[in-house]
Protein backbone atom coordinates (compact mmCIF):
# COMPACT_ATOMS: atom_id res chain seq x y z
CA ALA A 1 -12.93 -27.19 11.83
CA PRO A 2 -14.11 -24.27 9.77
CA LEU A 3 -13.18 -20.81 11.14
CA GLN A 4 -16.02 -18.40 11.69
CA LEU A 5 -15.53 -14.62 11.36
CA ARG A 6 -16.93 -14.01 14.87
CA GLU A 7 -14.16 -16.26 16.26
CA LEU A 8 -11.35 -14.01 14.99
CA VAL A 9 -9.60 -11.85 17.58
CA ASN A 10 -8.09 -8.46 16.83
CA CYS A 11 -4.34 -8.57 17.39
CA ARG A 12 -3.30 -5.09 18.56
CA TRP A 13 0.37 -6.02 18.53
CA ALA A 14 0.24 -6.70 14.80
CA GLU A 15 -1.48 -3.35 14.22
CA GLU A 16 1.23 -1.52 16.20
CA VAL A 17 4.01 -3.25 14.28
CA THR A 18 2.30 -2.40 10.99
CA GLN A 19 1.97 1.25 12.02
CA GLN A 20 5.63 1.40 13.03
CA LEU A 21 6.69 -0.12 9.71
CA ASP A 22 4.59 2.44 7.84
CA THR A 23 6.21 5.23 9.86
CA LEU A 24 9.71 3.90 9.13
CA GLN A 25 8.95 3.73 5.42
CA LEU A 26 7.73 7.34 5.44
CA CYS A 27 10.87 8.45 7.32
CA SER A 28 13.17 6.70 4.87
CA LEU A 29 11.34 8.28 1.92
CA THR A 30 11.71 11.71 3.54
CA LYS A 31 15.45 11.15 4.07
CA GLN A 32 15.86 10.10 0.45
CA GLU A 33 14.08 13.28 -0.67
CA GLU A 34 16.37 15.37 1.56
CA ASN A 35 19.46 13.66 0.13
CA GLU A 36 18.21 14.39 -3.38
CA LYS A 37 17.92 18.11 -2.51
CA ASP A 38 21.64 18.16 -1.69
CA LYS A 39 22.58 16.76 -5.10
CA CYS A 40 23.20 18.44 -8.42
CA GLU A 41 20.21 18.39 -10.75
CA ASN A 42 22.44 17.73 -13.76
CA HIS A 43 25.05 15.29 -12.42
CA HIS A 44 23.31 13.87 -9.31
CA GLU A 45 26.47 14.46 -7.28
CA LYS A 46 26.86 16.07 -3.88
CA LEU A 47 26.89 19.88 -3.91
CA SER A 48 30.40 20.79 -2.79
CA VAL A 49 31.27 24.08 -4.51
CA PHE A 50 29.82 27.57 -4.20
CA CYS A 51 29.76 29.67 -7.37
CA TRP A 52 30.47 33.14 -6.01
CA THR A 53 29.40 34.76 -9.28
CA CYS A 54 25.98 33.06 -9.43
CA LYS A 55 25.58 32.83 -5.61
CA LYS A 56 24.61 29.19 -6.08
CA CYS A 57 25.71 25.78 -4.77
CA ILE A 58 26.98 23.46 -7.49
CA CYS A 59 28.81 20.14 -7.79
CA HIS A 60 32.48 19.88 -8.73
CA GLN A 61 31.61 18.68 -12.24
CA CYS A 62 29.55 21.82 -12.88
CA ALA A 63 32.52 23.89 -11.69
CA LEU A 64 35.00 22.02 -13.89
CA TRP A 65 33.03 21.09 -16.99
CA GLY A 66 29.76 23.00 -16.84
CA GLY A 67 29.68 25.66 -19.54
CA MET A 68 27.34 27.81 -17.49
CA HIS A 69 30.02 28.66 -14.91
CA GLY A 70 32.97 29.36 -17.20
CA GLY A 71 35.15 32.15 -15.82
CA HIS A 72 33.23 32.28 -12.53
CA THR A 73 34.77 32.45 -9.07
CA PHE A 74 34.41 29.35 -6.87
CA LYS A 75 34.90 28.61 -3.18
CA PRO A 76 34.55 25.35 -1.25
CA LEU A 77 31.01 25.09 0.08
CA ALA A 78 32.26 24.17 3.58
CA GLU A 79 34.30 27.40 3.73
CA ILE A 80 31.29 29.53 2.71
CA TYR A 81 29.15 27.71 5.27
CA GLU A 82 31.64 28.46 8.06
CA GLN A 83 31.77 32.12 7.04
CA HIS A 84 27.98 32.36 7.17
CA VAL A 85 27.81 30.63 10.55
CA THR A 86 30.44 33.02 11.94
CA LYS A 87 28.59 36.04 10.56
CA VAL A 88 25.25 34.86 11.98
CA ASN A 89 26.83 34.23 15.40
CA GLU A 90 28.36 37.73 15.36
CA GLU A 91 24.99 39.28 14.50
CA VAL A 92 23.28 37.28 17.26
CA ALA A 93 25.88 38.53 19.76
CA LYS A 94 25.24 42.14 18.62
CA LEU A 95 21.51 41.66 19.00
CA ARG A 96 21.94 40.22 22.50
CA ARG A 97 24.08 43.20 23.52
CA ARG A 98 21.48 45.57 22.10
CA LEU A 99 18.72 43.71 23.92
CA MET A 100 20.60 44.09 27.21
CA GLU A 101 21.02 47.81 26.52
CA LEU A 102 17.31 48.19 25.84
CA ILE A 103 16.37 46.25 28.97
CA SER A 104 18.67 48.51 30.96
CA LEU A 105 17.09 51.63 29.44
CA VAL A 106 13.57 50.36 30.16
CA GLN A 107 14.52 49.68 33.78
CA GLU A 108 15.94 53.23 34.04
CA VAL A 109 12.70 54.69 32.71
CA VAL A 110 10.68 52.61 35.20
CA ARG A 111 12.82 53.95 38.07
């Protein structure tokens, strides 16, 4: 029998699955873009070295063979990251202590 347009039923389940697939595709594209940000523009390798002279993250090939960084000082990126995390945590602790001091002073003034 011929199928009439008015006989078709909207299948919400199919719409939901389609929406979820679209969302997954967008998420995977975003992750790919993020991964590309962590790669060297020249060699497309993972950034693993910090050029102390340029204050820039580079890949190991740029550190070894790249003419732009000849004679520069390098450190492992993980080591620099840990140093920054430690410094930020120390500064946060100082700020918390200062906040407690200020709260104490405000309470004294109120009294």
